C-alpha atoms as a PDB file:
ATOM      1  CA  MET A   1      -4.022  26.291  26.020  1.00  0.00           C
ATOM      2  CA  VAL A   2      -1.360  24.827  23.413  1.00  0.00           C
ATOM      3  CA  THR A   3      -2.867  26.551  20.515  1.00  0.00           C
ATOM      4  CA  ALA A   4      -3.289  30.190  21.705  1.00  0.00           C
ATOM      5  CA  MET A   5       0.632  29.684  22.654  1.00  0.00           C
ATOM      6  CA  HIS A   6       1.532  28.462  18.548  1.00  0.00           C
ATOM      7  CA  ARG A   7      -0.580  30.917  17.671  1.00  0.00           C
ATOM      8  CA  SER A   8       1.226  34.035  19.418  1.00  0.00           C
ATOM      9  CA  ALA A   9       4.253  32.604  18.881  1.00  0.00           C
ATOM     10  CA  ARG A  10       4.359  32.681  15.484  1.00  0.00           C
ATOM     11  CA  LEU A  11       2.061  36.312  15.603  1.00  0.00           C
ATOM     12  CA  LEU A  12       5.474  37.114  17.139  1.00  0.00           C
ATOM     13  CA  ALA A  13       7.983  35.746  15.035  1.00  0.00           C
ATOM     14  CA  PHE A  14       5.932  37.274  11.750  1.00  0.00           C
ATOM     15  CA  ILE A  15       5.833  40.705  13.340  1.00  0.00           C
ATOM     16  CA  THR A  16       9.012  41.421  15.111  1.00  0.00           C
ATOM     17  CA  PRO A  17      11.373  41.140  11.594  1.00  0.00           C
ATOM     18  CA  LEU A  18       8.675  44.033  10.088  1.00  0.00           C
ATOM     19  CA  VAL A  19       9.120  45.538  13.276  1.00  0.00           C
ATOM     20  CA  LEU A  20      13.334  45.712  13.709  1.00  0.00           C
ATOM     21  CA  ALA A  21      12.723  46.967   9.852  1.00  0.00           C
ATOM     22  CA  ALA A  22      11.340  50.090  10.505  1.00  0.00           C
ATOM     23  CA  CYS A  23      12.270  50.715  13.234  1.00  0.00           C
ATOM     24  CA  SER A  24      15.784  50.994  11.167  1.00  0.00           C
ATOM     25  CA  GLY A  25      14.604  52.853   8.758  1.00  0.00           C
ATOM     26  CA  GLY A  26      15.364  50.215   6.467  1.00  0.00           C
ATOM     27  CA  GLU A  27      13.543  48.535   2.734  1.00  0.00           C
ATOM     28  CA  GLU A  28       9.950  48.657   2.507  1.00  0.00           C
ATOM     29  CA  SER A  29       8.766  45.341   2.992  1.00  0.00           C
ATOM     30  CA  THR A  30       7.451  42.795   0.378  1.00  0.00           C
ATOM     31  CA  ALA A  31       5.513  40.812   2.714  1.00  0.00           C
ATOM     32  CA  GLY A  32       1.941  39.284   1.583  1.00  0.00           C
ATOM     33  CA  THR A  33       0.065  36.931   0.729  1.00  0.00           C
ATOM     34  CA  VAL A  34       1.424  33.119  -1.160  1.00  0.00           C
ATOM     35  CA  THR A  35      -1.110  30.357  -2.073  1.00  0.00           C
ATOM     36  CA  ILE A  36       0.587  26.658  -2.736  1.00  0.00           C
ATOM     37  CA  ARG A  37      -1.978  24.623  -5.050  1.00  0.00           C
ATOM     38  CA  PHE A  38      -2.456  21.227  -5.026  1.00  0.00           C
ATOM     39  CA  ALA A  39      -3.476  19.333  -8.171  1.00  0.00           C
ATOM     40  CA  PRO A  40      -4.587  15.628  -7.266  1.00  0.00           C
ATOM     41  CA  MET A  41      -3.835  13.537  -9.828  1.00  0.00           C
ATOM     42  CA  VAL A  42      -4.185  10.251 -11.607  1.00  0.00           C
ATOM     43  CA  GLY A  43      -1.044  10.025 -13.754  1.00  0.00           C
ATOM     44  CA  ASP A  44      -1.901  11.989 -16.232  1.00  0.00           C
ATOM     45  CA  ALA A  45      -5.138  12.431 -15.318  1.00  0.00           C
ATOM     46  CA  SER A  46      -7.174  14.918 -13.171  1.00  0.00           C
ATOM     47  CA  PHE A  47      -8.953  13.068 -10.657  1.00  0.00           C
ATOM     48  CA  ALA A  48     -12.302  13.254  -9.694  1.00  0.00           C
ATOM     49  CA  CYS A  49     -14.960  10.750  -7.769  1.00  0.00           C
ATOM     50  CA  GLY A  50     -16.912   8.220  -9.893  1.00  0.00           C
ATOM     51  CA  GLN A  51     -14.292   8.583 -11.825  1.00  0.00           C
ATOM     52  CA  SER A  52     -12.011   4.623 -13.262  1.00  0.00           C
ATOM     53  CA  TYR A  53      -8.631   4.725 -13.545  1.00  0.00           C
ATOM     54  CA  ASP A  54      -5.853   2.047 -16.170  1.00  0.00           C
ATOM     55  CA  GLY A  55      -2.731   1.012 -15.467  1.00  0.00           C
ATOM     56  CA  LEU A  56      -2.304   1.297 -11.649  1.00  0.00           C
ATOM     57  CA  GLY A  57       0.290  -0.967 -10.077  1.00  0.00           C
ATOM     58  CA  LEU A  58       2.575  -4.346 -11.292  1.00  0.00           C
ATOM     59  CA  THR A  59      -0.465  -5.509 -13.006  1.00  0.00           C
ATOM     60  CA  ASP A  60      -1.460  -2.894 -15.091  1.00  0.00           C
ATOM     61  CA  ALA A  61      -5.279  -2.655 -12.495  1.00  0.00           C
ATOM     62  CA  THR A  62      -8.638  -0.737 -13.418  1.00  0.00           C
ATOM     63  CA  ALA A  63      -9.452   0.897 -10.074  1.00  0.00           C
ATOM     64  CA  GLU A  64     -11.697   3.435  -8.475  1.00  0.00           C
ATOM     65  CA  VAL A  65     -10.621   6.134  -5.943  1.00  0.00           C
ATOM     66  CA  ASN A  66     -12.850   5.829  -2.796  1.00  0.00           C
ATOM     67  CA  ASP A  67     -10.732   8.211  -0.590  1.00  0.00           C
ATOM     68  CA  PHE A  68      -7.860  10.919  -1.359  1.00  0.00           C
ATOM     69  CA  ARG A  69      -7.075  12.887   2.035  1.00  0.00           C
ATOM     70  CA  LEU A  70      -3.592  14.249   3.985  1.00  0.00           C
ATOM     71  CA  TYR A  71      -2.369  16.780   6.151  1.00  0.00           C
ATOM     72  CA  VAL A  72       0.606  17.943   5.753  1.00  0.00           C
ATOM     73  CA  HIS A  73       2.072  20.657   8.447  1.00  0.00           C
ATOM     74  CA  ASP A  74       5.808  23.017   8.459  1.00  0.00           C
ATOM     75  CA  LEU A  75       5.559  24.927   5.673  1.00  0.00           C
ATOM     76  CA  THR A  76       8.359  27.115   3.932  1.00  0.00           C
ATOM     77  CA  VAL A  77       8.746  28.567   1.074  1.00  0.00           C
ATOM     78  CA  VAL A  78      12.243  28.809  -0.183  1.00  0.00           C
ATOM     79  CA  HIS A  79      14.234  31.754  -2.129  1.00  0.00           C
ATOM     80  CA  ALA A  80      16.014  32.183  -4.756  1.00  0.00           C
ATOM     81  CA  ASP A  81      18.847  32.456  -2.758  1.00  0.00           C
ATOM     82  CA  GLY A  82      18.404  29.838  -1.386  1.00  0.00           C
ATOM     83  CA  SER A  83      17.186  31.121   1.664  1.00  0.00           C
ATOM     84  CA  ARG A  84      13.700  29.541   3.885  1.00  0.00           C
ATOM     85  CA  GLU A  85      10.757  31.735   5.722  1.00  0.00           C
ATOM     86  CA  PRO A  86       7.557  29.263   6.817  1.00  0.00           C
ATOM     87  CA  LEU A  87       4.112  30.280   6.152  1.00  0.00           C
ATOM     88  CA  MET A  88       2.786  31.582   8.783  1.00  0.00           C
ATOM     89  CA  LEU A  89      -0.642  29.940   8.569  1.00  0.00           C
ATOM     90  CA  THR A  90      -4.114  32.161   9.008  1.00  0.00           C
ATOM     91  CA  ASP A  91      -6.715  29.555  11.101  1.00  0.00           C
ATOM     92  CA  ASP A  92      -9.980  28.444   9.155  1.00  0.00           C
ATOM     93  CA  GLU A  93     -11.842  25.171   9.083  1.00  0.00           C
ATOM     94  CA  TRP A  94      -8.960  23.459   6.269  1.00  0.00           C
ATOM     95  CA  GLN A  95      -5.612  24.847   7.932  1.00  0.00           C
ATOM     96  CA  SER A  96      -5.003  25.984  12.001  1.00  0.00           C
ATOM     97  CA  ASN A  97      -2.244  25.877  14.340  1.00  0.00           C
ATOM     98  CA  GLY A  98       0.254  25.053  11.766  1.00  0.00           C
ATOM     99  CA  THR A  99      -1.473  22.081  10.494  1.00  0.00           C
ATOM    100  CA  VAL A 100      -3.465  22.503   6.563  1.00  0.00           C
ATOM    101  CA  LEU A 101      -5.844  19.309   5.953  1.00  0.00           C
ATOM    102  CA  LEU A 102      -5.700  19.168   2.150  1.00  0.00           C
ATOM    103  CA  ASP A 103      -9.015  16.922   0.899  1.00  0.00           C
ATOM    104  CA  PHE A 104      -9.167  15.840  -2.942  1.00  0.00           C
ATOM    105  CA  GLU A 105     -12.538  13.935  -2.561  1.00  0.00           C
ATOM    106  CA  ASP A 106     -16.143  15.476  -3.021  1.00  0.00           C
ATOM    107  CA  ALA A 107     -18.478  12.356  -1.219  1.00  0.00           C
ATOM    108  CA  SER A 108     -19.635  11.715  -5.274  1.00  0.00           C
ATOM    109  CA  GLY A 109     -19.770   8.731  -7.420  1.00  0.00           C
ATOM    110  CA  GLY A 110     -17.733   5.478  -4.759  1.00  0.00           C
ATOM    111  CA  CYS A 111     -15.959   8.269  -2.581  1.00  0.00           C
ATOM    112  CA  VAL A 112     -16.565   8.396   1.341  1.00  0.00           C
ATOM    113  CA  GLY A 113     -15.521  11.026   2.306  1.00  0.00           C
ATOM    114  CA  THR A 114     -17.216  14.462   3.253  1.00  0.00           C
ATOM    115  CA  PRO A 115     -18.641  16.918  -0.089  1.00  0.00           C
ATOM    116  CA  GLU A 116     -16.200  20.128   0.961  1.00  0.00           C
ATOM    117  CA  THR A 117     -13.118  19.830  -0.931  1.00  0.00           C
ATOM    118  CA  ASN A 118      -9.687  21.465  -0.257  1.00  0.00           C
ATOM    119  CA  MET A 119      -6.856  21.720  -2.026  1.00  0.00           C
ATOM    120  CA  ALA A 120      -4.999  24.894  -1.701  1.00  0.00           C
ATOM    121  CA  ILE A 121      -2.643  26.309   1.282  1.00  0.00           C
ATOM    122  CA  GLU A 122      -2.641  30.107   2.018  1.00  0.00           C
ATOM    123  CA  GLY A 123      -0.538  32.219   4.710  1.00  0.00           C
ATOM    124  CA  GLU A 124       1.702  34.800   4.663  1.00  0.00           C
ATOM    125  CA  VAL A 125       5.842  35.581   4.300  1.00  0.00           C
ATOM    126  CA  LEU A 126       7.677  38.812   4.935  1.00  0.00           C
ATOM    127  CA  ASP A 127       8.728  38.337   0.899  1.00  0.00           C
ATOM    128  CA  THR A 128       6.868  37.473  -1.977  1.00  0.00           C
ATOM    129  CA  GLY A 129       9.961  38.125  -4.986  1.00  0.00           C
ATOM    130  CA  ASP A 130      11.197  35.457  -5.359  1.00  0.00           C
ATOM    131  CA  ILE A 131       9.914  32.270  -4.254  1.00  0.00           C
ATOM    132  CA  THR A 132      11.675  28.550  -6.601  1.00  0.00           C
ATOM    133  CA  GLY A 133      10.522  25.902  -3.871  1.00  0.00           C
ATOM    134  CA  VAL A 134       8.474  25.006  -0.971  1.00  0.00           C
ATOM    135  CA  GLU A 135       8.815  22.820   1.318  1.00  0.00           C
ATOM    136  CA  PHE A 136       6.766  20.883   4.076  1.00  0.00           C
ATOM    137  CA  THR A 137       6.263  17.545   6.499  1.00  0.00           C
ATOM    138  CA  ILE A 138       3.425  15.124   5.847  1.00  0.00           C
ATOM    139  CA  GLY A 139       1.461  14.006   8.973  1.00  0.00           C
ATOM    140  CA  VAL A 140       0.532  15.924  11.814  1.00  0.00           C
ATOM    141  CA  PRO A 141       3.218  16.793  14.496  1.00  0.00           C
ATOM    142  CA  GLY A 142       3.776  15.672  17.109  1.00  0.00           C
ATOM    143  CA  GLU A 143       2.119  17.238  20.318  1.00  0.00           C
ATOM    144  CA  ASP A 144      -1.438  16.892  18.269  1.00  0.00           C
ATOM    145  CA  ASN A 145      -1.401  13.962  16.929  1.00  0.00           C
ATOM    146  CA  HIS A 146      -2.853  12.581  19.451  1.00  0.00           C
ATOM    147  CA  LEU A 147      -6.333  15.041  20.370  1.00  0.00           C
ATOM    148  CA  ASP A 148      -9.284  13.684  21.188  1.00  0.00           C
ATOM    149  CA  SER A 149     -10.792  14.002  17.563  1.00  0.00           C
ATOM    150  CA  ALA A 150     -14.576  14.818  18.675  1.00  0.00           C
ATOM    151  CA  SER A 151     -13.117  18.498  20.942  1.00  0.00           C
ATOM    152  CA  ALA A 152     -10.358  19.581  19.331  1.00  0.00           C
ATOM    153  CA  PRO A 153     -10.275  22.672  16.641  1.00  0.00           C
ATOM    154  CA  ALA A 154     -11.143  21.714  12.847  1.00  0.00           C
ATOM    155  CA  PRO A 155      -9.529  20.505  10.869  1.00  0.00           C
ATOM    156  CA  LEU A 156      -8.037  17.992  13.122  1.00  0.00           C
ATOM    157  CA  ASN A 157     -11.447  16.636  14.220  1.00  0.00           C
ATOM    158  CA  ILE A 158     -12.042  14.760  10.919  1.00  0.00           C
ATOM    159  CA  PRO A 159     -13.600  11.023  12.419  1.00  0.00           C
ATOM    160  CA  GLY A 160     -12.671   9.820   9.242  1.00  0.00           C
ATOM    161  CA  MET A 161      -8.707  10.873   9.456  1.00  0.00           C
ATOM    162  CA  TYR A 162      -8.275   9.317  13.078  1.00  0.00           C
ATOM    163  CA  TRP A 163      -6.658   6.172  14.054  1.00  0.00           C
ATOM    164  CA  SER A 164      -9.490   5.314  17.399  1.00  0.00           C
ATOM    165  CA  TRP A 165      -7.154   2.106  17.705  1.00  0.00           C
ATOM    166  CA  MET A 166      -4.210   3.503  16.922  1.00  0.00           C
ATOM    167  CA  GLY A 167      -4.421   6.746  19.844  1.00  0.00           C
ATOM    168  CA  GLY A 168      -3.208   9.047  16.607  1.00  0.00           C
ATOM    169  CA  TYR A 169      -4.162  10.409  13.086  1.00  0.00           C
ATOM    170  CA  LYS A 170      -3.847   9.043   9.304  1.00  0.00           C
ATOM    171  CA  TYR A 171      -1.301  11.338   7.814  1.00  0.00           C
ATOM    172  CA  ALA A 172      -3.143  10.157   5.010  1.00  0.00           C
ATOM    173  CA  ARG A 173      -6.190   8.093   3.815  1.00  0.00           C
ATOM    174  CA  VAL A 174      -6.608   6.304  -0.221  1.00  0.00           C
ATOM    175  CA  GLU A 175      -8.590   3.902  -0.896  1.00  0.00           C
ATOM    176  CA  PHE A 176      -8.928   1.967  -4.182  1.00  0.00           C
ATOM    177  CA  THR A 177     -11.895  -0.237  -5.454  1.00  0.00           C
ATOM    178  CA  ALA A 178      -9.799  -2.752  -8.519  1.00  0.00           C
ATOM    179  CA  SER A 179     -11.974  -3.295 -11.122  1.00  0.00           C
ATOM    180  CA  GLY A 180     -12.833  -6.960  -9.834  1.00  0.00           C
ATOM    181  CA  GLY A 181     -14.204  -5.265  -6.099  1.00  0.00           C
ATOM    182  CA  GLU A 182     -11.408  -5.874  -4.242  1.00  0.00           C
ATOM    183  CA  PRO A 183     -10.238  -3.087  -2.302  1.00  0.00           C
ATOM    184  CA  PHE A 184      -6.647  -1.440  -2.018  1.00  0.00           C
ATOM    185  CA  LEU A 185      -6.273   1.155   0.538  1.00  0.00           C
ATOM    186  CA  PHE A 186      -3.376   3.381   2.194  1.00  0.00           C
ATOM    187  CA  HIS A 187      -3.389   4.936   5.512  1.00  0.00           C
ATOM    188  CA  LEU A 188      -0.366   6.174   6.626  1.00  0.00           C
ATOM    189  CA  GLY A 189       0.441   7.114   9.833  1.00  0.00           C
ATOM    190  CA  ALA A 190       2.441   6.853  13.411  1.00  0.00           C
ATOM    191  CA  THR A 191       3.346   3.030  15.108  1.00  0.00           C
ATOM    192  CA  GLY A 192       3.406   2.000  17.748  1.00  0.00           C
ATOM    193  CA  CYS A 193       1.545   4.051  20.464  1.00  0.00           C
ATOM    194  CA  THR A 194       1.241   3.368  24.017  1.00  0.00           C
ATOM    195  CA  GLY A 195      -0.641   6.119  26.602  1.00  0.00           C
ATOM    196  CA  THR A 196      -4.133   7.417  26.986  1.00  0.00           C
ATOM    197  CA  THR A 197      -5.303  10.612  25.179  1.00  0.00           C
ATOM    198  CA  ALA A 198      -5.190  12.327  29.356  1.00  0.00           C
ATOM    199  CA  ASP A 199      -1.632  11.242  30.143  1.00  0.00           C
ATOM    200  CA  GLY A 200      -0.089  11.434  26.350  1.00  0.00           C
ATOM    201  CA  PHE A 201       1.241   8.950  24.465  1.00  0.00           C
ATOM    202  CA  THR A 202       3.972   7.708  22.634  1.00  0.00           C
ATOM    203  CA  CYS A 203       5.002   6.089  19.283  1.00  0.00           C
ATOM    204  CA  SER A 204       7.788   3.473  18.055  1.00  0.00           C
ATOM    205  CA  THR A 205       7.975   5.086  14.988  1.00  0.00           C
ATOM    206  CA  GLU A 206       6.328   8.647  13.281  1.00  0.00           C
ATOM    207  CA  ASN A 207       6.763   7.938   9.936  1.00  0.00           C
ATOM    208  CA  ARG A 208       6.598  11.337   9.090  1.00  0.00           C
ATOM    209  CA  VAL A 209       8.736  12.897   6.079  1.00  0.00           C
ATOM    210  CA  THR A 210       9.455  16.725   4.908  1.00  0.00           C
ATOM    211  CA  LEU A 211       9.749  16.939   1.677  1.00  0.00           C
ATOM    212  CA  SER A 212      10.856  19.543  -1.131  1.00  0.00           C
ATOM    213  CA  VAL A 213       9.755  20.502  -3.977  1.00  0.00           C
ATOM    214  CA  ASP A 214      11.863  22.191  -6.217  1.00  0.00           C
ATOM    215  CA  GLY A 215      11.029  24.479  -9.138  1.00  0.00           C
ATOM    216  CA  PHE A 216       8.127  26.034  -7.699  1.00  0.00           C
ATOM    217  CA  ASP A 217       6.037  29.197  -8.856  1.00  0.00           C
ATOM    218  CA  PRO A 218       3.537  30.274  -6.659  1.00  0.00           C
ATOM    219  CA  ALA A 219       1.821  32.304  -9.245  1.00  0.00           C
ATOM    220  CA  ALA A 220       2.252  30.451 -11.852  1.00  0.00           C
ATOM    221  CA  ASP A 221       2.259  26.331 -10.249  1.00  0.00           C
ATOM    222  CA  ALA A 222       1.095  23.848  -8.321  1.00  0.00           C
ATOM    223  CA  ILE A 223       2.296  20.615  -6.823  1.00  0.00           C
ATOM    224  CA  ALA A 224       0.358  17.453  -8.055  1.00  0.00           C
ATOM    225  CA  VAL A 225      -0.622  14.773  -5.830  1.00  0.00           C
ATOM    226  CA  ASP A 226       0.395  11.312  -8.290  1.00  0.00           C
ATOM    227  CA  LEU A 227      -1.624   8.664  -7.048  1.00  0.00           C
ATOM    228  CA  GLN A 228      -0.451   5.971 -10.254  1.00  0.00           C
ATOM    229  CA  ALA A 229       3.360   7.252  -8.840  1.00  0.00           C
ATOM    230  CA  LEU A 230       1.967   5.953  -5.060  1.00  0.00           C
ATOM    231  CA  VAL A 231       1.338   2.389  -6.461  1.00  0.00           C
ATOM    232  CA  ALA A 232       3.355   1.950  -9.120  1.00  0.00           C
ATOM    233  CA  ASP A 233       5.596  -1.244  -7.567  1.00  0.00           C
ATOM    234  CA  SER A 234       2.189  -2.338  -5.398  1.00  0.00           C
ATOM    235  CA  ASP A 235       0.263  -5.300  -6.635  1.00  0.00           C
ATOM    236  CA  MET A 236      -3.314  -3.820  -6.292  1.00  0.00           C
ATOM    237  CA  THR A 237      -5.711  -7.066  -7.468  1.00  0.00           C
ATOM    238  CA  THR A 238      -3.650 -10.390  -5.960  1.00  0.00           C
ATOM    239  CA  ALA A 239      -6.345 -11.065  -2.684  1.00  0.00           C
ATOM    240  CA  ASN A 240      -4.124 -10.666   0.780  1.00  0.00           C
ATOM    241  CA  ASP A 241      -3.830 -14.287   2.928  1.00  0.00           C
ATOM    242  CA  LYS A 242      -6.925 -12.627   5.690  1.00  0.00           C
ATOM    243  CA  GLU A 243      -5.039 -15.483   8.025  1.00  0.00           C
ATOM    244  CA  VAL A 244      -0.901 -13.592   7.283  1.00  0.00           C
ATOM    245  CA  ASP A 245      -2.524 -10.049   6.567  1.00  0.00           C
ATOM    246  CA  PRO A 246      -6.212  -9.271   6.343  1.00  0.00           C
ATOM    247  CA  ILE A 247      -6.081  -5.831   5.063  1.00  0.00           C
ATOM    248  CA  ASP A 248      -6.019  -4.837   1.219  1.00  0.00           C
ATOM    249  CA  GLY A 249      -2.956  -3.237   1.177  1.00  0.00           C
ATOM    250  CA  CYS A 250      -0.575  -0.388   3.737  1.00  0.00           C
ATOM    251  CA  MET A 251      -2.318   0.332   7.131  1.00  0.00           C
ATOM    252  CA  SER A 252       1.673   1.355   8.113  1.00  0.00           C
ATOM    253  CA  GLY A 253       2.401  -1.678   9.954  1.00  0.00           C
ATOM    254  CA  PRO A 254       5.849  -2.335  10.743  1.00  0.00           C
ATOM    255  CA  MET A 255       4.743  -6.235   9.728  1.00  0.00           C
ATOM    256  CA  ASP A 256       2.778  -5.393   6.363  1.00  0.00           C
ATOM    257  CA  PRO A 257       4.648  -5.994   3.258  1.00  0.00           C
ATOM    258  CA  GLU A 258       2.359  -3.877   0.684  1.00  0.00           C
ATOM    259  CA  CYS A 259       3.873  -1.135   3.316  1.00  0.00           C
ATOM    260  CA  PRO A 260       7.134  -0.796   1.827  1.00  0.00           C
ATOM    261  CA  PRO A 261       6.673   0.275  -2.282  1.00  0.00           C
ATOM    262  CA  LEU A 262       4.578   3.176  -0.947  1.00  0.00           C
ATOM    263  CA  PHE A 263       6.332   4.297   1.259  1.00  0.00           C
ATOM    264  CA  THR A 264       9.018   4.275  -0.524  1.00  0.00           C
ATOM    265  CA  ALA A 265       6.819   6.303  -3.032  1.00  0.00           C
ATOM    266  CA  MET A 266       5.856   8.757  -0.649  1.00  0.00           C
ATOM    267  CA  GLY A 267      10.551   9.547   0.627  1.00  0.00           C
ATOM    268  CA  LEU A 268       9.270   6.890   3.537  1.00  0.00           C
ATOM    269  CA  GLU A 269      11.438   4.318   4.647  1.00  0.00           C
ATOM    270  CA  HIS A 270       9.213   1.358   6.346  1.00  0.00           C
ATOM    271  CA  ALA A 271      11.193  -0.614   7.907  1.00  0.00           C
ATOM    272  CA  THR A 272      12.971   2.214  10.035  1.00  0.00           C
ATOM    273  CA  GLY A 273      10.581   5.673   9.367  1.00  0.00           C
ATOM    274  CA  GLY A 274      12.427   8.066   8.320  1.00  0.00           C
ATOM    275  CA  THR A 275      13.262   9.597   4.989  1.00  0.00           C
ATOM    276  CA  ASN A 276      13.826   7.355   1.962  1.00  0.00           C
ATOM    277  CA  PRO A 277      17.409   9.122   1.118  1.00  0.00           C
ATOM    278  CA  GLY A 278      16.340   7.906  -2.755  1.00  0.00           C
ATOM    279  CA  GLY A 279      13.323  11.068  -2.707  1.00  0.00           C
ATOM    280  CA  GLN A 280       9.982  10.364  -3.197  1.00  0.00           C
ATOM    281  CA  THR A 281       8.467  10.055  -5.923  1.00  0.00           C
ATOM    282  CA  VAL A 282       4.592  11.315  -5.553  1.00  0.00           C
ATOM    283  CA  PHE A 283       4.389  15.442  -5.856  1.00  0.00           C
ATOM    284  CA  ARG A 284       5.915  16.846  -8.632  1.00  0.00           C
ATOM    285  CA  VAL A 285       5.522  20.612 -10.336  1.00  0.00           C
ATOM    286  CA  VAL A 286       2.746  20.914 -12.531  1.00  0.00           C
ATOM    287  CA  ASP A 287       1.050  24.121 -14.934  1.00  0.00           C
ATOM    288  CA  LYS A 288      -1.561  25.587 -11.848  1.00  0.00           C
ATOM    289  CA  PRO A 289      -4.811  24.903 -13.456  1.00  0.00           C
END
């Protein structure tokens, strides 16, 4: 019921301005399709499963990437005059009810996900001209974050992107194996969640962030998602004291000592789960592949 209501509301929001323009004899609409392409990268190198990358983190570690997926929602295009309009997504296996799963791994080499990949988001706008930026939120909307993943529509039905013990989704799942065999994980999601799927959940820290990417032309550019930038201020090779911190990397917990630099790179404040005023370093504009 929620999905149907949301879909109807979004469709009405998209169609109404066109109807009003037609009735008033306004200018011809330039509505059309916009594709936002993403480029998974590790520094200046394109990401690929089975490939080792050097110079990672504070110790210039060598590591292989085993997983690289994230959810985004609330996409908005920004025009040259500063006006904004939502990107109205068409539902398919990767994007539904306004939420998109970007999946950069293909289950080859040491990757643990699925063979299928998704590196682009497609939707409709009322004006395709003079787009100079895009905004999006990392994560899953609160009303959808605690669905039953066994019965949820795609792309919220991926078991590897669900935190059964947290009652919600992993907004981002990035996993490495360093050359010495030590894992380093980054799972971003809401924390302090209590409740049940049937009765609903509340979370003390939502850990969502809305990011703006400027100087972006969808016809010529892509948005790089850079794992080297993500771990730039992290030590990926020193094993944890398992009594203090059992997981090498960050599971988003408020007391996890390895989370702050990863959150900062994503544009988040670890202490509050709010937006980092210094911005983010993971996403940047590059030429379209």
